Amino acid sequence: MEKSIYAASGAAIARKREELAPRSLAAFKAFSDSVFADGALPAKRRQQIAVAVVHITQCPDCIPARTSAAVKSGTTEPEIMEAMWGLAEMRVGAAYARWPLTRLRPGSSPWRHPMPTLIDRLLNEHATLERLARLLNGEMSLRADPRAPDIALLVDALYYLTRFPDVTHHMLEDRIVERLLEKRALPASVGHDLEAQHATLIRQGRELLQDLESAVREENMSQELVEIHIRHYAQRLRHNMAVEESVLFPVAVRHLDQDDFRALALPDVHGQPDPLYQTPVDERFEQLHRVIAGEAGCGCDDVGH
């Protein structure tokens, strides 16, 4: 297994987490103390939880030690991956839950002014990316099997990810990171880590698309290996969104003013429209649009509207 998926974050990100969410940190420490208390859980289960936590939080010093301890406890690599995916989904779910709650209860919100339209747009795009992650993660019963009737959906999903989010969505988030770094409102380690996540997603998305197309042509490509890589990619995408929603977006709303947001939006004025939601929907993505719209329950399954 990889020792580290992203660059080391260092102590700065830990301090920023404590500053932004002291209660959450205290709750996590209490949970950790309870989990690792003698007799609380079987040793193997404790190590599965521990290795999932360090992979999801990307603690560079902890990953090798915890992975080794998990293997010694009898945990297999598929069990480690399953634990990581489960925890990633819990983390993303918590991030998604936080935003509507704070908007429904302005008095308890950490933001001092309404959420800018630009952040609203990114959140809406995250909702689409989450549905695509569900599709890639096999939660819609799709497989990288060339005989499967829906294999084209997986190809279209990865093609879309490499043609729109990779060149528009992530680039906009990188501009937000750079603006916050200029203002010294975001630790450099956090900003550079997010940019590294985007670079990794872009590179792996293109590689996965090539691998999947090879699997469809039944070339020398392991179907099982392709599925594992696709699920790992989906987990990384979800992790990236969770960090942005729990750290980047709140910091942006706190420290960027309307002039900042206008400047951030300017380079994007002539950017390409979202091919999955433009009117009419790009012909290449009609089937993918229907699946995503059906999953969202938005009643917009008719691609002509």
C-alpha atoms as a PDB file:
ATOM      1  CA  MET A   1       0.000   0.000   0.000  1.00  0.00           C
ATOM      2  CA  GLU A   2       1.107   3.605  -0.486  1.00  0.00           C
ATOM      3  CA  LYS A   3       2.665   5.173   2.565  1.00  0.00           C
ATOM      4  CA  SER A   4       1.108   8.546   1.801  1.00  0.00           C
ATOM      5  CA  ILE A   5      -1.421   9.642  -0.793  1.00  0.00           C
ATOM      6  CA  TYR A   6      -0.827  13.376  -0.374  1.00  0.00           C
ATOM      7  CA  ALA A   7       1.998  15.598   0.782  1.00  0.00           C
ATOM      8  CA  ALA A   8       2.665  15.835   4.511  1.00  0.00           C
ATOM      9  CA  SER A   9       0.553  18.503   6.182  1.00  0.00           C
ATOM     10  CA  GLY A  10       2.640  19.046   9.291  1.00  0.00           C
ATOM     11  CA  ALA A  11       1.616  20.550  12.599  1.00  0.00           C
ATOM     12  CA  ALA A  12       0.018  23.630  11.025  1.00  0.00           C
ATOM     13  CA  ILE A  13      -3.057  21.782   9.809  1.00  0.00           C
ATOM     14  CA  ALA A  14      -3.538  20.210  13.238  1.00  0.00           C
ATOM     15  CA  ARG A  15      -3.444  23.654  14.851  1.00  0.00           C
ATOM     16  CA  LYS A  16      -5.897  24.976  12.261  1.00  0.00           C
ATOM     17  CA  ARG A  17      -8.308  22.106  12.954  1.00  0.00           C
ATOM     18  CA  GLU A  18      -8.173  22.902  16.660  1.00  0.00           C
ATOM     19  CA  GLU A  19      -8.794  26.587  15.933  1.00  0.00           C
ATOM     20  CA  LEU A  20     -11.725  25.958  13.565  1.00  0.00           C
ATOM     21  CA  ALA A  21     -13.406  23.082  15.408  1.00  0.00           C
ATOM     22  CA  PRO A  22     -12.272  22.773  19.038  1.00  0.00           C
ATOM     23  CA  ARG A  23     -15.393  20.874  20.081  1.00  0.00           C
ATOM     24  CA  SER A  24     -15.016  18.390  17.245  1.00  0.00           C
ATOM     25  CA  LEU A  25     -11.389  17.843  18.189  1.00  0.00           C
ATOM     26  CA  ALA A  26     -12.313  17.261  21.832  1.00  0.00           C
ATOM     27  CA  ALA A  27     -15.025  14.807  20.784  1.00  0.00           C
ATOM     28  CA  PHE A  28     -12.580  12.972  18.531  1.00  0.00           C
ATOM     29  CA  LYS A  29     -10.025  12.669  21.328  1.00  0.00           C
ATOM     30  CA  ALA A  30     -12.702  11.313  23.678  1.00  0.00           C
ATOM     31  CA  PHE A  31     -13.775   8.820  21.014  1.00  0.00           C
ATOM     32  CA  SER A  32     -10.155   7.791  20.445  1.00  0.00           C
ATOM     33  CA  ASP A  33      -9.542   7.278  24.155  1.00  0.00           C
ATOM     34  CA  SER A  34     -12.668   5.111  24.393  1.00  0.00           C
ATOM     35  CA  VAL A  35     -11.817   3.029  21.321  1.00  0.00           C
ATOM     36  CA  PHE A  36      -8.282   2.301  22.462  1.00  0.00           C
ATOM     37  CA  ALA A  37      -9.123   1.610  26.092  1.00  0.00           C
ATOM     38  CA  ASP A  38      -8.159  -1.919  27.107  1.00  0.00           C
ATOM     39  CA  GLY A  39     -11.026  -4.337  26.536  1.00  0.00           C
ATOM     40  CA  ALA A  40     -13.230  -1.803  24.727  1.00  0.00           C
ATOM     41  CA  LEU A  41     -12.886  -3.518  21.338  1.00  0.00           C
ATOM     42  CA  PRO A  42     -11.012  -6.522  19.935  1.00  0.00           C
ATOM     43  CA  ALA A  43      -7.427  -5.677  18.979  1.00  0.00           C
ATOM     44  CA  LYS A  44      -8.028  -6.295  15.270  1.00  0.00           C
ATOM     45  CA  ARG A  45     -11.042  -3.969  15.180  1.00  0.00           C
ATOM     46  CA  ARG A  46      -9.101  -1.245  17.010  1.00  0.00           C
ATOM     47  CA  GLN A  47      -6.320  -1.440  14.444  1.00  0.00           C
ATOM     48  CA  GLN A  48      -8.808  -1.331  11.548  1.00  0.00           C
ATOM     49  CA  ILE A  49     -10.285   1.883  12.938  1.00  0.00           C
ATOM     50  CA  ALA A  50      -6.838   3.351  13.567  1.00  0.00           C
ATOM     51  CA  VAL A  51      -5.461   2.625  10.107  1.00  0.00           C
ATOM     52  CA  ALA A  52      -8.613   4.029   8.458  1.00  0.00           C
ATOM     53  CA  VAL A  53      -8.358   7.250  10.486  1.00  0.00           C
ATOM     54  CA  VAL A  54      -4.697   7.886   9.640  1.00  0.00           C
ATOM     55  CA  HIS A  55      -5.257   7.206   5.925  1.00  0.00           C
ATOM     56  CA  ILE A  56      -8.290   9.503   5.762  1.00  0.00           C
ATOM     57  CA  THR A  57      -6.624  12.298   7.765  1.00  0.00           C
ATOM     58  CA  GLN A  58      -3.355  11.677   5.872  1.00  0.00           C
ATOM     59  CA  CYS A  59      -1.065  11.733   8.908  1.00  0.00           C
ATOM     60  CA  PRO A  60       2.273  11.078   7.124  1.00  0.00           C
ATOM     61  CA  ASP A  61       4.107   9.788  10.199  1.00  0.00           C
ATOM     62  CA  CYS A  62       1.248   7.572  11.391  1.00  0.00           C
ATOM     63  CA  ILE A  63       0.353   5.732   8.173  1.00  0.00           C
ATOM     64  CA  PRO A  64       3.314   3.293   7.997  1.00  0.00           C
ATOM     65  CA  ALA A  65       3.144   2.419  11.710  1.00  0.00           C
ATOM     66  CA  ARG A  66      -0.640   1.969  11.796  1.00  0.00           C
ATOM     67  CA  THR A  67      -0.686  -0.013   8.549  1.00  0.00           C
ATOM     68  CA  SER A  68       1.991  -2.348   9.915  1.00  0.00           C
ATOM     69  CA  ALA A  69       0.119  -2.759  13.212  1.00  0.00           C
ATOM     70  CA  ALA A  70      -3.129  -3.518  11.363  1.00  0.00           C
ATOM     71  CA  VAL A  71      -1.453  -6.191   9.227  1.00  0.00           C
ATOM     72  CA  LYS A  72       0.124  -7.753  12.325  1.00  0.00           C
ATOM     73  CA  SER A  73      -3.326  -7.906  13.942  1.00  0.00           C
ATOM     74  CA  GLY A  74      -4.550 -10.049  11.031  1.00  0.00           C
ATOM     75  CA  THR A  75      -6.215  -7.305   8.982  1.00  0.00           C
ATOM     76  CA  THR A  76      -6.053  -7.931   5.234  1.00  0.00           C
ATOM     77  CA  GLU A  77      -5.528  -5.222   2.614  1.00  0.00           C
ATOM     78  CA  PRO A  78      -9.157  -5.463   1.375  1.00  0.00           C
ATOM     79  CA  GLU A  79     -10.313  -5.012   4.999  1.00  0.00           C
ATOM     80  CA  ILE A  80      -8.108  -1.932   5.314  1.00  0.00           C
ATOM     81  CA  MET A  81      -9.576  -0.483   2.105  1.00  0.00           C
ATOM     82  CA  GLU A  82     -13.122  -1.255   3.253  1.00  0.00           C
ATOM     83  CA  ALA A  83     -12.488   0.522   6.563  1.00  0.00           C
ATOM     84  CA  MET A  84     -11.061   3.541   4.717  1.00  0.00           C
ATOM     85  CA  TRP A  85     -14.038   3.757   2.347  1.00  0.00           C
ATOM     86  CA  GLY A  86     -16.506   3.499   5.218  1.00  0.00           C
ATOM     87  CA  LEU A  87     -14.809   6.248   7.201  1.00  0.00           C
ATOM     88  CA  ALA A  88     -14.482   8.468   4.127  1.00  0.00           C
ATOM     89  CA  GLU A  89     -18.232   8.199   3.518  1.00  0.00           C
ATOM     90  CA  MET A  90     -18.936   9.077   7.167  1.00  0.00           C
ATOM     91  CA  ARG A  91     -16.642  12.092   6.954  1.00  0.00           C
ATOM     92  CA  VAL A  92     -18.194  13.390   3.748  1.00  0.00           C
ATOM     93  CA  GLY A  93     -21.672  12.824   5.198  1.00  0.00           C
ATOM     94  CA  ALA A  94     -20.788  14.940   8.213  1.00  0.00           C
ATOM     95  CA  ALA A  95     -19.461  17.713   5.977  1.00  0.00           C
ATOM     96  CA  TYR A  96     -22.626  17.697   3.855  1.00  0.00           C
ATOM     97  CA  ALA A  97     -24.805  17.758   6.966  1.00  0.00           C
ATOM     98  CA  ARG A  98     -23.037  20.749   8.467  1.00  0.00           C
ATOM     99  CA  TRP A  99     -23.767  23.246   5.690  1.00  0.00           C
ATOM    100  CA  PRO A 100     -27.586  23.053   5.603  1.00  0.00           C
ATOM    101  CA  LEU A 101     -27.731  23.075   9.402  1.00  0.00           C
ATOM    102  CA  THR A 102     -25.710  26.275   9.667  1.00  0.00           C
ATOM    103  CA  ARG A 103     -27.802  27.913   6.969  1.00  0.00           C
ATOM    104  CA  LEU A 104     -31.043  26.958   8.701  1.00  0.00           C
ATOM    105  CA  ARG A 105     -29.756  28.315  12.023  1.00  0.00           C
ATOM    106  CA  PRO A 106     -27.965  31.587  11.224  1.00  0.00           C
ATOM    107  CA  GLY A 107     -27.482  32.362  14.908  1.00  0.00           C
ATOM    108  CA  SER A 108     -25.227  29.356  15.325  1.00  0.00           C
ATOM    109  CA  SER A 109     -23.372  29.798  12.049  1.00  0.00           C
ATOM    110  CA  PRO A 110     -19.645  30.590  12.133  1.00  0.00           C
ATOM    111  CA  TRP A 111     -20.043  32.822   9.050  1.00  0.00           C
ATOM    112  CA  ARG A 112     -20.593  36.543   9.452  1.00  0.00           C
ATOM    113  CA  HIS A 113     -22.287  37.144   6.097  1.00  0.00           C
ATOM    114  CA  PRO A 114     -24.284  35.160   3.519  1.00  0.00           C
ATOM    115  CA  MET A 115     -22.459  32.474   1.592  1.00  0.00           C
ATOM    116  CA  PRO A 116     -21.273  33.919  -1.739  1.00  0.00           C
ATOM    117  CA  THR A 117     -22.758  32.636  -4.969  1.00  0.00           C
ATOM    118  CA  LEU A 118     -19.358  31.264  -6.010  1.00  0.00           C
ATOM    119  CA  ILE A 119     -19.261  28.943  -2.988  1.00  0.00           C
ATOM    120  CA  ASP A 120     -22.882  27.956  -3.646  1.00  0.00           C
ATOM    121  CA  ARG A 121     -21.865  26.957  -7.154  1.00  0.00           C
ATOM    122  CA  LEU A 122     -18.952  24.848  -5.894  1.00  0.00           C
ATOM    123  CA  LEU A 123     -21.222  23.134  -3.366  1.00  0.00           C
ATOM    124  CA  ASN A 124     -23.756  22.336  -6.084  1.00  0.00           C
ATOM    125  CA  GLU A 125     -20.971  20.866  -8.194  1.00  0.00           C
ATOM    126  CA  HIS A 126     -19.849  18.830  -5.178  1.00  0.00           C
ATOM    127  CA  ALA A 127     -23.327  17.313  -5.029  1.00  0.00           C
ATOM    128  CA  THR A 128     -22.882  16.119  -8.620  1.00  0.00           C
ATOM    129  CA  LEU A 129     -19.362  14.872  -7.878  1.00  0.00           C
ATOM    130  CA  GLU A 130     -20.688  12.918  -4.882  1.00  0.00           C
ATOM    131  CA  ARG A 131     -23.206  11.148  -7.134  1.00  0.00           C
ATOM    132  CA  LEU A 132     -20.426  10.356  -9.586  1.00  0.00           C
ATOM    133  CA  ALA A 133     -18.320   9.028  -6.699  1.00  0.00           C
ATOM    134  CA  ARG A 134     -21.238   6.788  -5.726  1.00  0.00           C
ATOM    135  CA  LEU A 135     -21.377   5.482  -9.278  1.00  0.00           C
ATOM    136  CA  LEU A 136     -17.617   4.873  -9.410  1.00  0.00           C
ATOM    137  CA  ASN A 137     -17.636   3.284  -5.965  1.00  0.00           C
ATOM    138  CA  GLY A 138     -20.068   0.625  -7.142  1.00  0.00           C
ATOM    139  CA  GLU A 139     -23.000   1.965  -5.138  1.00  0.00           C
ATOM    140  CA  MET A 140     -25.145   1.945  -8.280  1.00  0.00           C
ATOM    141  CA  SER A 141     -24.373  -1.713  -9.063  1.00  0.00           C
ATOM    142  CA  LEU A 142     -22.047  -0.959 -11.972  1.00  0.00           C
ATOM    143  CA  ARG A 143     -18.920  -2.991 -12.723  1.00  0.00           C
ATOM    144  CA  ALA A 144     -15.851  -2.567 -14.921  1.00  0.00           C
ATOM    145  CA  ASP A 145     -16.874  -5.678 -16.838  1.00  0.00           C
ATOM    146  CA  PRO A 146     -16.812  -5.337 -20.645  1.00  0.00           C
ATOM    147  CA  ARG A 147     -19.891  -7.584 -20.772  1.00  0.00           C
ATOM    148  CA  ALA A 148     -21.877  -5.389 -18.369  1.00  0.00           C
ATOM    149  CA  PRO A 149     -24.594  -3.354 -20.124  1.00  0.00           C
ATOM    150  CA  ASP A 150     -23.767  -0.185 -18.159  1.00  0.00           C
ATOM    151  CA  ILE A 151     -19.984  -0.215 -18.632  1.00  0.00           C
ATOM    152  CA  ALA A 152     -20.338   2.839 -20.889  1.00  0.00           C
ATOM    153  CA  LEU A 153     -21.578   4.827 -17.881  1.00  0.00           C
ATOM    154  CA  LEU A 154     -18.290   4.306 -16.059  1.00  0.00           C
ATOM    155  CA  VAL A 155     -16.360   5.405 -19.137  1.00  0.00           C
ATOM    156  CA  ASP A 156     -18.594   8.475 -19.543  1.00  0.00           C
ATOM    157  CA  ALA A 157     -18.271   9.361 -15.839  1.00  0.00           C
ATOM    158  CA  LEU A 158     -14.471   9.331 -15.978  1.00  0.00           C
ATOM    159  CA  TYR A 159     -14.485  11.131 -19.333  1.00  0.00           C
ATOM    160  CA  TYR A 160     -16.690  13.852 -17.814  1.00  0.00           C
ATOM    161  CA  LEU A 161     -14.455  14.157 -14.731  1.00  0.00           C
ATOM    162  CA  THR A 162     -11.371  14.661 -16.901  1.00  0.00           C
ATOM    163  CA  ARG A 163     -13.114  17.158 -19.210  1.00  0.00           C
ATOM    164  CA  PHE A 164     -14.980  19.442 -16.774  1.00  0.00           C
ATOM    165  CA  PRO A 165     -14.142  19.239 -13.038  1.00  0.00           C
ATOM    166  CA  ASP A 166     -10.441  18.687 -13.736  1.00  0.00           C
ATOM    167  CA  VAL A 167     -10.161  21.784 -15.938  1.00  0.00           C
ATOM    168  CA  THR A 168     -12.779  24.071 -14.358  1.00  0.00           C
ATOM    169  CA  HIS A 169     -13.967  23.079 -10.858  1.00  0.00           C
ATOM    170  CA  HIS A 170     -10.589  22.191  -9.308  1.00  0.00           C
ATOM    171  CA  MET A 171      -8.912  25.158 -11.004  1.00  0.00           C
ATOM    172  CA  LEU A 172     -11.410  27.552  -9.408  1.00  0.00           C
ATOM    173  CA  GLU A 173     -10.767  26.018  -5.993  1.00  0.00           C
ATOM    174  CA  ASP A 174      -7.021  26.402  -6.579  1.00  0.00           C
ATOM    175  CA  ARG A 175      -7.569  30.115  -7.262  1.00  0.00           C
ATOM    176  CA  ILE A 176      -9.412  30.390  -3.939  1.00  0.00           C
ATOM    177  CA  VAL A 177      -6.487  28.668  -2.218  1.00  0.00           C
ATOM    178  CA  GLU A 178      -3.991  31.082  -3.797  1.00  0.00           C
ATOM    179  CA  ARG A 179      -6.051  34.130  -2.783  1.00  0.00           C
ATOM    180  CA  LEU A 180      -6.261  32.867   0.822  1.00  0.00           C
ATOM    181  CA  LEU A 181      -2.520  32.165   0.873  1.00  0.00           C
ATOM    182  CA  GLU A 182      -1.871  35.723  -0.304  1.00  0.00           C
ATOM    183  CA  LYS A 183      -3.934  36.976   2.649  1.00  0.00           C
ATOM    184  CA  ARG A 184      -2.175  34.537   5.033  1.00  0.00           C
ATOM    185  CA  ALA A 185      -5.641  33.299   5.984  1.00  0.00           C
ATOM    186  CA  LEU A 186      -4.866  29.654   5.232  1.00  0.00           C
ATOM    187  CA  PRO A 187      -1.811  27.689   6.419  1.00  0.00           C
ATOM    188  CA  ALA A 188       0.525  27.089   3.488  1.00  0.00           C
ATOM    189  CA  SER A 189       0.608  23.370   4.283  1.00  0.00           C
ATOM    190  CA  VAL A 190      -3.189  23.138   3.969  1.00  0.00           C
ATOM    191  CA  GLY A 191      -3.284  25.084   0.711  1.00  0.00           C
ATOM    192  CA  HIS A 192      -0.469  23.134  -0.898  1.00  0.00           C
ATOM    193  CA  ASP A 193      -2.032  19.863   0.269  1.00  0.00           C
ATOM    194  CA  LEU A 194      -5.321  20.735  -1.462  1.00  0.00           C
ATOM    195  CA  GLU A 195      -3.482  21.672  -4.657  1.00  0.00           C
ATOM    196  CA  ALA A 196      -1.581  18.373  -4.484  1.00  0.00           C
ATOM    197  CA  GLN A 197      -4.874  16.504  -4.066  1.00  0.00           C
ATOM    198  CA  HIS A 198      -6.210  18.151  -7.231  1.00  0.00           C
ATOM    199  CA  ALA A 199      -3.045  17.300  -9.174  1.00  0.00           C
ATOM    200  CA  THR A 200      -3.306  13.668  -8.036  1.00  0.00           C
ATOM    201  CA  LEU A 201      -6.994  13.446  -8.974  1.00  0.00           C
ATOM    202  CA  ILE A 202      -6.317  14.909 -12.422  1.00  0.00           C
ATOM    203  CA  ARG A 203      -3.448  12.522 -13.123  1.00  0.00           C
ATOM    204  CA  GLN A 204      -5.212   9.434 -11.811  1.00  0.00           C
ATOM    205  CA  GLY A 205      -8.473  10.293 -13.550  1.00  0.00           C
ATOM    206  CA  ARG A 206      -6.734  10.276 -16.922  1.00  0.00           C
ATOM    207  CA  GLU A 207      -4.892   7.041 -16.123  1.00  0.00           C
ATOM    208  CA  LEU A 208      -8.116   5.375 -14.979  1.00  0.00           C
ATOM    209  CA  LEU A 209      -9.941   6.406 -18.134  1.00  0.00           C
ATOM    210  CA  GLN A 210      -7.223   4.765 -20.218  1.00  0.00           C
ATOM    211  CA  ASP A 211      -7.287   1.628 -18.035  1.00  0.00           C
ATOM    212  CA  LEU A 212     -11.071   1.355 -18.234  1.00  0.00           C
ATOM    213  CA  GLU A 213     -11.075   1.792 -21.995  1.00  0.00           C
ATOM    214  CA  SER A 214      -8.452  -0.992 -22.196  1.00  0.00           C
ATOM    215  CA  ALA A 215     -10.651  -3.218 -20.015  1.00  0.00           C
ATOM    216  CA  VAL A 216     -13.612  -2.554 -22.308  1.00  0.00           C
ATOM    217  CA  ARG A 217     -11.498  -3.657 -25.275  1.00  0.00           C
ATOM    218  CA  GLU A 218     -10.579  -6.755 -23.199  1.00  0.00           C
ATOM    219  CA  GLU A 219      -6.881  -6.008 -23.480  1.00  0.00           C
ATOM    220  CA  ASN A 220      -4.343  -7.204 -20.901  1.00  0.00           C
ATOM    221  CA  MET A 221      -5.960  -5.344 -18.024  1.00  0.00           C
ATOM    222  CA  SER A 222      -7.239  -6.933 -14.812  1.00  0.00           C
ATOM    223  CA  GLN A 223     -10.917  -6.097 -14.338  1.00  0.00           C
ATOM    224  CA  GLU A 224     -10.572  -6.542 -10.580  1.00  0.00           C
ATOM    225  CA  LEU A 225      -7.544  -4.236 -10.433  1.00  0.00           C
ATOM    226  CA  VAL A 226      -9.339  -1.565 -12.452  1.00  0.00           C
ATOM    227  CA  GLU A 227     -12.316  -1.719 -10.073  1.00  0.00           C
ATOM    228  CA  ILE A 228     -10.015  -1.341  -7.048  1.00  0.00           C
ATOM    229  CA  HIS A 229      -8.304   1.680  -8.621  1.00  0.00           C
ATOM    230  CA  ILE A 230     -11.661   3.259  -9.481  1.00  0.00           C
ATOM    231  CA  ARG A 231     -12.927   2.821  -5.909  1.00  0.00           C
ATOM    232  CA  HIS A 232      -9.694   4.271  -4.553  1.00  0.00           C
ATOM    233  CA  TYR A 233     -10.098   7.272  -6.870  1.00  0.00           C
ATOM    234  CA  ALA A 234     -13.682   7.780  -5.669  1.00  0.00           C
ATOM    235  CA  GLN A 235     -12.475   7.690  -2.046  1.00  0.00           C
ATOM    236  CA  ARG A 236      -9.833  10.328  -2.806  1.00  0.00           C
ATOM    237  CA  LEU A 237     -12.414  12.522  -4.529  1.00  0.00           C
ATOM    238  CA  ARG A 238     -14.696  12.311  -1.489  1.00  0.00           C
ATOM    239  CA  HIS A 239     -11.794  13.054   0.858  1.00  0.00           C
ATOM    240  CA  ASN A 240     -10.914  16.130  -1.189  1.00  0.00           C
ATOM    241  CA  MET A 241     -14.485  17.442  -1.038  1.00  0.00           C
ATOM    242  CA  ALA A 242     -14.678  16.821   2.707  1.00  0.00           C
ATOM    243  CA  VAL A 243     -11.538  18.885   3.355  1.00  0.00           C
ATOM    244  CA  GLU A 244     -12.802  21.697   1.140  1.00  0.00           C
ATOM    245  CA  GLU A 245     -16.225  21.818   2.778  1.00  0.00           C
ATOM    246  CA  SER A 246     -14.936  21.577   6.338  1.00  0.00           C
ATOM    247  CA  VAL A 247     -11.863  23.838   5.979  1.00  0.00           C
ATOM    248  CA  LEU A 248     -11.432  25.711   2.672  1.00  0.00           C
ATOM    249  CA  PHE A 249     -14.950  27.041   2.097  1.00  0.00           C
ATOM    250  CA  PRO A 250     -15.552  28.309   5.672  1.00  0.00           C
ATOM    251  CA  VAL A 251     -12.151  30.064   5.648  1.00  0.00           C
ATOM    252  CA  ALA A 252     -12.947  31.613   2.251  1.00  0.00           C
ATOM    253  CA  VAL A 253     -16.288  32.955   3.455  1.00  0.00           C
ATOM    254  CA  ARG A 254     -14.647  34.412   6.566  1.00  0.00           C
ATOM    255  CA  HIS A 255     -11.672  36.082   4.922  1.00  0.00           C
ATOM    256  CA  LEU A 256     -12.600  36.939   1.331  1.00  0.00           C
ATOM    257  CA  ASP A 257     -14.709  39.982   0.507  1.00  0.00           C
ATOM    258  CA  GLN A 258     -16.951  40.655  -2.466  1.00  0.00           C
ATOM    259  CA  ASP A 259     -14.064  42.160  -4.468  1.00  0.00           C
ATOM    260  CA  ASP A 260     -12.104  38.958  -3.926  1.00  0.00           C
ATOM    261  CA  PHE A 261     -14.994  36.806  -5.123  1.00  0.00           C
ATOM    262  CA  ARG A 262     -15.556  39.008  -8.172  1.00  0.00           C
ATOM    263  CA  ALA A 263     -11.869  38.730  -9.074  1.00  0.00           C
ATOM    264  CA  LEU A 264     -11.953  34.969  -8.590  1.00  0.00           C
ATOM    265  CA  ALA A 265     -14.943  34.643 -10.896  1.00  0.00           C
ATOM    266  CA  LEU A 266     -13.530  36.829 -13.698  1.00  0.00           C
ATOM    267  CA  PRO A 267     -11.206  34.247 -15.310  1.00  0.00           C
ATOM    268  CA  ASP A 268     -14.112  31.822 -15.365  1.00  0.00           C
ATOM    269  CA  VAL A 269     -16.549  34.077 -17.273  1.00  0.00           C
ATOM    270  CA  HIS A 270     -15.589  32.558 -20.606  1.00  0.00           C
ATOM    271  CA  GLY A 271     -15.040  29.060 -19.231  1.00  0.00           C
ATOM    272  CA  GLN A 272     -16.735  26.064 -20.772  1.00  0.00           C
ATOM    273  CA  PRO A 273     -20.310  25.263 -19.638  1.00  0.00           C
ATOM    274  CA  ASP A 274     -20.914  22.106 -17.646  1.00  0.00           C
ATOM    275  CA  PRO A 275     -21.594  19.521 -20.401  1.00  0.00           C
ATOM    276  CA  LEU A 276     -23.672  17.441 -17.987  1.00  0.00           C
ATOM    277  CA  TYR A 277     -26.122  20.273 -17.246  1.00  0.00           C
ATOM    278  CA  GLN A 278     -26.022  22.604 -20.225  1.00  0.00           C
ATOM    279  CA  THR A 279     -29.201  22.957 -22.306  1.00  0.00           C
ATOM    280  CA  PRO A 280     -29.448  20.793 -24.249  1.00  0.00           C
ATOM    281  CA  VAL A 281     -27.252  18.239 -22.494  1.00  0.00           C
ATOM    282  CA  ASP A 282     -24.142  17.237 -24.438  1.00  0.00           C
ATOM    283  CA  GLU A 283     -25.105  14.162 -26.471  1.00  0.00           C
ATOM    284  CA  ARG A 284     -22.128  12.229 -25.071  1.00  0.00           C
ATOM    285  CA  PHE A 285     -23.509  12.593 -21.534  1.00  0.00           C
ATOM    286  CA  GLU A 286     -27.254  12.052 -22.043  1.00  0.00           C
ATOM    287  CA  GLN A 287     -27.319   8.606 -20.394  1.00  0.00           C
ATOM    288  CA  LEU A 288     -25.057   9.764 -17.544  1.00  0.00           C
ATOM    289  CA  HIS A 289     -27.287  12.813 -17.024  1.00  0.00           C
ATOM    290  CA  ARG A 290     -30.383  10.615 -16.723  1.00  0.00           C
ATOM    291  CA  VAL A 291     -28.702   8.383 -14.126  1.00  0.00           C
ATOM    292  CA  ILE A 292     -27.414  11.338 -12.076  1.00  0.00           C
ATOM    293  CA  ALA A 293     -30.752  13.170 -12.298  1.00  0.00           C
ATOM    294  CA  GLY A 294     -32.615  10.035 -11.253  1.00  0.00           C
ATOM    295  CA  GLU A 295     -30.261   9.586  -8.294  1.00  0.00           C
ATOM    296  CA  ALA A 296     -30.822  13.218  -7.286  1.00  0.00           C
ATOM    297  CA  GLY A 297     -34.597  12.889  -7.610  1.00  0.00           C
ATOM    298  CA  CYS A 298     -34.695  16.337  -9.208  1.00  0.00           C
ATOM    299  CA  GLY A 299     -37.292  15.473 -11.843  1.00  0.00           C
ATOM    300  CA  CYS A 300     -34.948  16.660 -14.610  1.00  0.00           C
ATOM    301  CA  ASP A 301     -34.520  13.337 -16.377  1.00  0.00           C
ATOM    302  CA  ASP A 302     -35.656  14.842 -19.682  1.00  0.00           C
ATOM    303  CA  VAL A 303     -32.352  15.816 -21.283  1.00  0.00           C
ATOM    304  CA  GLY A 304     -34.048  18.263 -23.596  1.00  0.00           C
ATOM    305  CA  HIS A 305     -34.958  20.617 -20.756  1.00  0.00           C
END
